[in-house]
PDB file of N, CA and C in Angstrom:
ATOM      1  N   MET A   1     -50.529  26.001 -37.330  1.00  0.00           N
ATOM      2  CA  MET A   1     -49.155  26.737 -37.099  1.00  0.00           C
ATOM      3  C   MET A   1     -48.825  25.838 -35.776  1.00  0.00           C
ATOM      4  N   SER A   2     -47.809  25.416 -35.890  1.00  0.00           N
ATOM      5  CA  SER A   2     -47.187  24.411 -34.928  1.00  0.00           C
ATOM      6  C   SER A   2     -47.116  25.178 -33.498  1.00  0.00           C
ATOM      7  N   GLU A   3     -47.020  24.599 -32.305  1.00  0.00           N
ATOM      8  CA  GLU A   3     -46.915  24.886 -31.164  1.00  0.00           C
ATOM      9  C   GLU A   3     -45.556  25.629 -31.002  1.00  0.00           C
ATOM     10  N   ALA A   4     -44.599  25.416 -31.624  1.00  0.00           N
ATOM     11  CA  ALA A   4     -43.130  25.943 -31.439  1.00  0.00           C
ATOM     12  C   ALA A   4     -43.517  27.405 -32.095  1.00  0.00           C
ATOM     13  N   VAL A   5     -43.981  27.598 -33.341  1.00  0.00           N
ATOM     14  CA  VAL A   5     -44.081  28.867 -33.969  1.00  0.00           C
ATOM     15  C   VAL A   5     -45.033  29.821 -33.016  1.00  0.00           C
ATOM     16  N   GLN A   6     -46.268  29.368 -32.441  1.00  0.00           N
ATOM     17  CA  GLN A   6     -47.069  29.985 -31.500  1.00  0.00           C
ATOM     18  C   GLN A   6     -46.239  30.504 -30.255  1.00  0.00           C
ATOM     19  N   GLU A   7     -45.272  29.620 -29.787  1.00  0.00           N
ATOM     20  CA  GLU A   7     -44.680  30.002 -28.718  1.00  0.00           C
ATOM     21  C   GLU A   7     -43.594  31.183 -28.896  1.00  0.00           C
ATOM     22  N   ILE A   8     -42.901  31.100 -29.888  1.00  0.00           N
ATOM     23  CA  ILE A   8     -42.148  32.065 -30.500  1.00  0.00           C
ATOM     24  C   ILE A   8     -42.609  33.361 -30.814  1.00  0.00           C
ATOM     25  N   LEU A   9     -44.073  33.351 -31.449  1.00  0.00           N
ATOM     26  CA  LEU A   9     -44.896  34.549 -31.604  1.00  0.00           C
ATOM     27  C   LEU A   9     -45.075  35.151 -30.329  1.00  0.00           C
ATOM     28  N   GLN A  10     -45.341  34.471 -29.440  1.00  0.00           N
ATOM     29  CA  GLN A  10     -46.106  34.931 -28.086  1.00  0.00           C
ATOM     30  C   GLN A  10     -44.782  35.340 -27.399  1.00  0.00           C
ATOM     31  N   ARG A  11     -43.569  35.043 -27.496  1.00  0.00           N
ATOM     32  CA  ARG A  11     -42.317  35.409 -26.936  1.00  0.00           C
ATOM     33  C   ARG A  11     -42.025  36.909 -27.432  1.00  0.00           C
ATOM     34  N   ILE A  12     -42.143  36.729 -28.913  1.00  0.00           N
ATOM     35  CA  ILE A  12     -41.903  38.053 -29.580  1.00  0.00           C
ATOM     36  C   ILE A  12     -42.707  39.124 -29.039  1.00  0.00           C
ATOM     37  N   GLN A  13     -44.199  38.911 -28.810  1.00  0.00           N
ATOM     38  CA  GLN A  13     -45.111  39.894 -28.546  1.00  0.00           C
ATOM     39  C   GLN A  13     -44.740  40.435 -26.857  1.00  0.00           C
ATOM     40  N   GLN A  14     -44.179  39.773 -26.143  1.00  0.00           N
ATOM     41  CA  GLN A  14     -43.691  40.148 -24.641  1.00  0.00           C
ATOM     42  C   GLN A  14     -42.275  40.796 -24.818  1.00  0.00           C
ATOM     43  N   LEU A  15     -41.553  40.827 -25.740  1.00  0.00           N
ATOM     44  CA  LEU A  15     -40.465  41.775 -25.833  1.00  0.00           C
ATOM     45  C   LEU A  15     -40.632  43.245 -25.648  1.00  0.00           C
ATOM     46  N   PRO A  16     -39.729  43.681 -24.917  1.00  0.00           N
ATOM     47  CA  PRO A  16     -39.807  45.321 -24.831  1.00  0.00           C
ATOM     48  C   PRO A  16     -39.845  45.954 -26.441  1.00  0.00           C
ATOM     49  N   GLU A  17     -40.433  46.995 -26.412  1.00  0.00           N
ATOM     50  CA  GLU A  17     -40.514  47.593 -27.817  1.00  0.00           C
ATOM     51  C   GLU A  17     -39.193  47.674 -28.755  1.00  0.00           C
ATOM     52  N   GLU A  18     -38.149  48.242 -27.745  1.00  0.00           N
ATOM     53  CA  GLU A  18     -36.886  48.443 -28.657  1.00  0.00           C
ATOM     54  C   GLU A  18     -36.613  47.151 -29.064  1.00  0.00           C
ATOM     55  N   ASP A  19     -36.511  46.162 -28.379  1.00  0.00           N
ATOM     56  CA  ASP A  19     -36.142  44.580 -28.785  1.00  0.00           C
ATOM     57  C   ASP A  19     -36.864  44.333 -29.989  1.00  0.00           C
ATOM     58  N   ARG A  20     -38.135  44.571 -29.823  1.00  0.00           N
ATOM     59  CA  ARG A  20     -38.891  44.081 -31.191  1.00  0.00           C
ATOM     60  C   ARG A  20     -38.600  45.064 -32.230  1.00  0.00           C
ATOM     61  N   LEU A  21     -38.373  46.057 -32.117  1.00  0.00           N
ATOM     62  CA  LEU A  21     -38.179  46.857 -33.531  1.00  0.00           C
ATOM     63  C   LEU A  21     -36.687  46.437 -33.946  1.00  0.00           C
ATOM     64  N   GLN A  22     -35.657  45.957 -33.164  1.00  0.00           N
ATOM     65  CA  GLN A  22     -34.533  45.343 -33.431  1.00  0.00           C
ATOM     66  C   GLN A  22     -34.805  44.229 -34.394  1.00  0.00           C
ATOM     67  N   LEU A  23     -35.582  43.499 -33.812  1.00  0.00           N
ATOM     68  CA  LEU A  23     -35.617  41.933 -34.506  1.00  0.00           C
ATOM     69  C   LEU A  23     -36.447  42.319 -35.903  1.00  0.00           C
ATOM     70  N   GLU A  24     -37.539  43.267 -35.977  1.00  0.00           N
ATOM     71  CA  GLU A  24     -38.161  43.544 -36.958  1.00  0.00           C
ATOM     72  C   GLU A  24     -37.122  43.887 -37.995  1.00  0.00           C
ATOM     73  N   GLN A  25     -36.156  44.787 -37.671  1.00  0.00           N
ATOM     74  CA  GLN A  25     -35.111  45.245 -38.453  1.00  0.00           C
ATOM     75  C   GLN A  25     -34.232  44.153 -39.115  1.00  0.00           C
ATOM     76  N   HIS A  26     -33.869  43.311 -38.129  1.00  0.00           N
ATOM     77  CA  HIS A  26     -32.965  42.147 -38.353  1.00  0.00           C
ATOM     78  C   HIS A  26     -33.489  41.517 -39.460  1.00  0.00           C
ATOM     79  N   LEU A  27     -35.120  41.053 -39.335  1.00  0.00           N
ATOM     80  CA  LEU A  27     -35.680  40.163 -40.176  1.00  0.00           C
ATOM     81  C   LEU A  27     -35.907  40.833 -41.531  1.00  0.00           C
ATOM     82  N   ALA A  28     -36.128  42.120 -41.590  1.00  0.00           N
ATOM     83  CA  ALA A  28     -36.258  43.016 -42.803  1.00  0.00           C
ATOM     84  C   ALA A  28     -34.958  42.848 -43.404  1.00  0.00           C
ATOM     85  N   PHE A  29     -33.884  43.166 -42.831  1.00  0.00           N
ATOM     86  CA  PHE A  29     -32.440  43.079 -43.602  1.00  0.00           C
ATOM     87  C   PHE A  29     -32.242  41.606 -44.126  1.00  0.00           C
ATOM     88  N   ALA A  30     -32.567  40.480 -43.503  1.00  0.00           N
ATOM     89  CA  ALA A  30     -32.560  39.307 -43.714  1.00  0.00           C
ATOM     90  C   ALA A  30     -33.097  38.818 -45.048  1.00  0.00           C
ATOM     91  N   ALA A  31     -34.787  39.314 -44.928  1.00  0.00           N
ATOM     92  CA  ALA A  31     -35.425  39.127 -46.045  1.00  0.00           C
ATOM     93  C   ALA A  31     -34.951  39.758 -47.333  1.00  0.00           C
ATOM     94  N   GLU A  32     -34.581  41.119 -47.312  1.00  0.00           N
ATOM     95  CA  GLU A  32     -34.098  41.906 -48.328  1.00  0.00           C
ATOM     96  C   GLU A  32     -32.796  41.132 -48.996  1.00  0.00           C
ATOM     97  N   ALA A  33     -31.883  40.841 -48.238  1.00  0.00           N
ATOM     98  CA  ALA A  33     -30.605  39.931 -48.543  1.00  0.00           C
ATOM     99  C   ALA A  33     -30.911  38.784 -49.398  1.00  0.00           C
ATOM    100  N   GLU A  34     -32.051  37.997 -48.920  1.00  0.00           N
ATOM    101  CA  GLU A  34     -32.736  36.765 -49.492  1.00  0.00           C
ATOM    102  C   GLU A  34     -33.089  37.209 -50.971  1.00  0.00           C
ATOM    103  N   TRP A  35     -33.868  38.181 -50.912  1.00  0.00           N
ATOM    104  CA  TRP A  35     -34.470  38.608 -52.076  1.00  0.00           C
ATOM    105  C   TRP A  35     -33.397  38.881 -53.366  1.00  0.00           C
ATOM    106  N   LYS A  36     -32.318  39.728 -52.629  1.00  0.00           N
ATOM    107  CA  LYS A  36     -31.263  40.115 -53.522  1.00  0.00           C
ATOM    108  C   LYS A  36     -30.639  38.894 -54.169  1.00  0.00           C
ATOM    109  N   ARG A  37     -30.479  37.726 -53.325  1.00  0.00           N
ATOM    110  CA  ARG A  37     -29.552  36.695 -53.817  1.00  0.00           C
ATOM    111  C   ARG A  37     -30.490  35.863 -54.819  1.00  0.00           C
ATOM    112  N   GLU A  38     -31.831  35.801 -54.473  1.00  0.00           N
ATOM    113  CA  GLU A  38     -32.700  35.077 -55.645  1.00  0.00           C
ATOM    114  C   GLU A  38     -32.925  35.735 -56.873  1.00  0.00           C
ATOM    115  N   ALA A  39     -32.854  37.147 -56.741  1.00  0.00           N
ATOM    116  CA  ALA A  39     -33.261  38.145 -58.053  1.00  0.00           C
ATOM    117  C   ALA A  39     -31.687  37.798 -58.656  1.00  0.00           C
ATOM    118  N   ASP A  40     -30.715  37.824 -58.219  1.00  0.00           N
ATOM    119  CA  ASP A  40     -29.537  37.789 -58.636  1.00  0.00           C
ATOM    120  C   ASP A  40     -29.390  36.274 -59.622  1.00  0.00           C
ATOM    121  N   GLU A  41     -29.788  35.277 -59.000  1.00  0.00           N
ATOM    122  CA  GLU A  41     -29.789  33.861 -59.711  1.00  0.00           C
ATOM    123  C   GLU A  41     -30.553  34.096 -60.542  1.00  0.00           C
ATOM    124  N   ALA A  42     -31.824  34.648 -60.456  1.00  0.00           N
ATOM    125  CA  ALA A  42     -32.935  34.856 -61.587  1.00  0.00           C
ATOM    126  C   ALA A  42     -32.178  35.386 -62.916  1.00  0.00           C
ATOM    127  N   ARG A  43     -31.472  36.579 -62.531  1.00  0.00           N
ATOM    128  CA  ARG A  43     -30.957  37.248 -63.599  1.00  0.00           C
ATOM    129  C   ARG A  43     -29.838  36.432 -64.288  1.00  0.00           C
ATOM    130  N   ARG A  44     -29.189  35.776 -63.660  1.00  0.00           N
ATOM    131  CA  ARG A  44     -28.134  34.739 -64.148  1.00  0.00           C
ATOM    132  C   ARG A  44     -28.548  33.765 -64.987  1.00  0.00           C
ATOM    133  N   LEU A  45     -29.652  33.155 -64.456  1.00  0.00           N
ATOM    134  CA  LEU A  45     -30.237  32.035 -64.981  1.00  0.00           C
ATOM    135  C   LEU A  45     -30.972  32.363 -66.513  1.00  0.00           C
ATOM    136  N   ALA A  46     -31.463  33.773 -66.474  1.00  0.00           N
ATOM    137  CA  ALA A  46     -32.123  34.424 -67.661  1.00  0.00           C
ATOM    138  C   ALA A  46     -31.146  34.687 -68.713  1.00  0.00           C
ATOM    139  N   ARG A  47     -29.739  35.327 -68.081  1.00  0.00           N
ATOM    140  CA  ARG A  47     -28.657  35.553 -69.018  1.00  0.00           C
ATOM    141  C   ARG A  47     -28.379  34.374 -69.742  1.00  0.00           C
ATOM    142  N   GLN A  48     -28.179  33.039 -68.926  1.00  0.00           N
ATOM    143  CA  GLN A  48     -27.754  31.842 -69.434  1.00  0.00           C
ATOM    144  C   GLN A  48     -28.659  31.380 -70.552  1.00  0.00           C
ATOM    145  N   LYS A  49     -30.035  31.646 -70.277  1.00  0.00           N
ATOM    146  CA  LYS A  49     -31.002  30.922 -71.444  1.00  0.00           C
ATOM    147  C   LYS A  49     -31.155  31.988 -72.419  1.00  0.00           C
ATOM    148  N   GLY A  50     -30.432  33.092 -72.426  1.00  0.00           N
ATOM    149  CA  GLY A  50     -30.585  34.290 -73.645  1.00  0.00           C
ATOM    150  C   GLY A  50     -31.867  35.145 -73.437  1.00  0.00           C
ATOM    151  N   ILE A  51     -32.212  35.343 -72.345  1.00  0.00           N
ATOM    152  CA  ILE A  51     -33.472  36.203 -71.995  1.00  0.00           C
ATOM    153  C   ILE A  51     -32.901  37.268 -71.442  1.00  0.00           C
ATOM    154  N   ASP A  52     -33.423  38.346 -72.236  1.00  0.00           N
ATOM    155  CA  ASP A  52     -32.989  39.835 -71.664  1.00  0.00           C
ATOM    156  C   ASP A  52     -34.388  40.736 -71.558  1.00  0.00           C
ATOM    157  N   GLN A  53     -34.139  41.814 -71.188  1.00  0.00           N
ATOM    158  CA  GLN A  53     -35.320  42.854 -70.836  1.00  0.00           C
ATOM    159  C   GLN A  53     -36.134  43.068 -71.744  1.00  0.00           C
ATOM    160  N   ALA A  54     -35.524  43.143 -73.025  1.00  0.00           N
ATOM    161  CA  ALA A  54     -36.512  43.313 -74.138  1.00  0.00           C
ATOM    162  C   ALA A  54     -37.355  41.898 -74.481  1.00  0.00           C
ATOM    163  N   ALA A  55     -36.939  40.710 -74.415  1.00  0.00           N
ATOM    164  CA  ALA A  55     -37.632  39.667 -74.580  1.00  0.00           C
ATOM    165  C   ALA A  55     -38.805  39.668 -73.335  1.00  0.00           C
ATOM    166  N   ILE A  56     -38.275  39.897 -72.228  1.00  0.00           N
ATOM    167  CA  ILE A  56     -39.537  39.960 -71.219  1.00  0.00           C
ATOM    168  C   ILE A  56     -40.532  41.118 -71.494  1.00  0.00           C
ATOM    169  N   ASP A  57     -40.017  42.301 -71.769  1.00  0.00           N
ATOM    170  CA  ASP A  57     -41.067  43.244 -71.914  1.00  0.00           C
ATOM    171  C   ASP A  57     -41.908  42.776 -73.330  1.00  0.00           C
ATOM    172  N   ARG A  58     -41.473  42.157 -74.367  1.00  0.00           N
ATOM    173  CA  ARG A  58     -42.521  41.708 -75.472  1.00  0.00           C
ATOM    174  C   ARG A  58     -43.475  40.529 -74.652  1.00  0.00           C
ATOM    175  N   ALA A  59     -42.852  39.722 -73.900  1.00  0.00           N
ATOM    176  CA  ALA A  59     -43.724  38.802 -73.308  1.00  0.00           C
ATOM    177  C   ALA A  59     -44.809  39.061 -72.512  1.00  0.00           C
ATOM    178  N   VAL A  60     -44.416  40.298 -71.667  1.00  0.00           N
ATOM    179  CA  VAL A  60     -45.428  40.842 -70.817  1.00  0.00           C
ATOM    180  C   VAL A  60     -46.495  41.748 -71.822  1.00  0.00           C
ATOM    181  N   GLU A  61     -45.948  42.232 -72.801  1.00  0.00           N
ATOM    182  CA  GLU A  61     -46.991  43.165 -73.699  1.00  0.00           C
ATOM    183  C   GLU A  61     -47.855  42.035 -74.545  1.00  0.00           C
ATOM    184  N   ASN A  62     -47.388  40.939 -74.751  1.00  0.00           N
ATOM    185  CA  ASN A  62     -48.292  40.085 -75.740  1.00  0.00           C
ATOM    186  C   ASN A  62     -49.257  39.260 -74.594  1.00  0.00           C
ATOM    187  N   VAL A  63     -48.916  39.273 -73.330  1.00  0.00           N
ATOM    188  CA  VAL A  63     -50.000  38.618 -72.401  1.00  0.00           C
ATOM    189  C   VAL A  63     -51.071  39.602 -72.098  1.00  0.00           C
ATOM    190  N   ARG A  64     -50.338  40.903 -71.880  1.00  0.00           N
ATOM    191  CA  ARG A  64     -51.178  41.950 -71.307  1.00  0.00           C
ATOM    192  C   ARG A  64     -52.052  42.586 -72.506  1.00  0.00           C
ATOM    193  N   TYR A  65     -51.773  42.459 -73.678  1.00  0.00           N
ATOM    194  CA  TYR A  65     -52.552  42.911 -74.882  1.00  0.00           C
ATOM    195  C   TYR A  65     -52.925  41.843 -75.811  1.00  0.00           C
ATOM    196  N   ARG A  66     -52.598  40.735 -75.219  1.00  0.00           N
ATOM    197  CA  ARG A  66     -53.238  39.455 -76.188  1.00  0.00           C
ATOM    198  C   ARG A  66     -52.798  39.399 -77.685  1.00  0.00           C
ATOM    199  N   ARG A  67     -51.501  39.741 -78.004  1.00  0.00           N
ATOM    200  CA  ARG A  67     -50.974  39.968 -79.205  1.00  0.00           C
ATOM    201  C   ARG A  67     -50.657  38.606 -79.747  1.00  0.00           C
TER     202      ARG A  67
END
């Protein structure tokens, strides 16, 4: 881990609890927004390639039950 990251983590630990909670909430919202963007992109690519939920379910079943 770089010194910069260690310094940031140390500074976070020194924040008052309320500020830490606000930071955690902000990071959680940012992570969720990124996840949603990536999921939307994955769905778009799947549709573009003709992959639907039924195809995904069949693939999972084939792998899970070795059909």
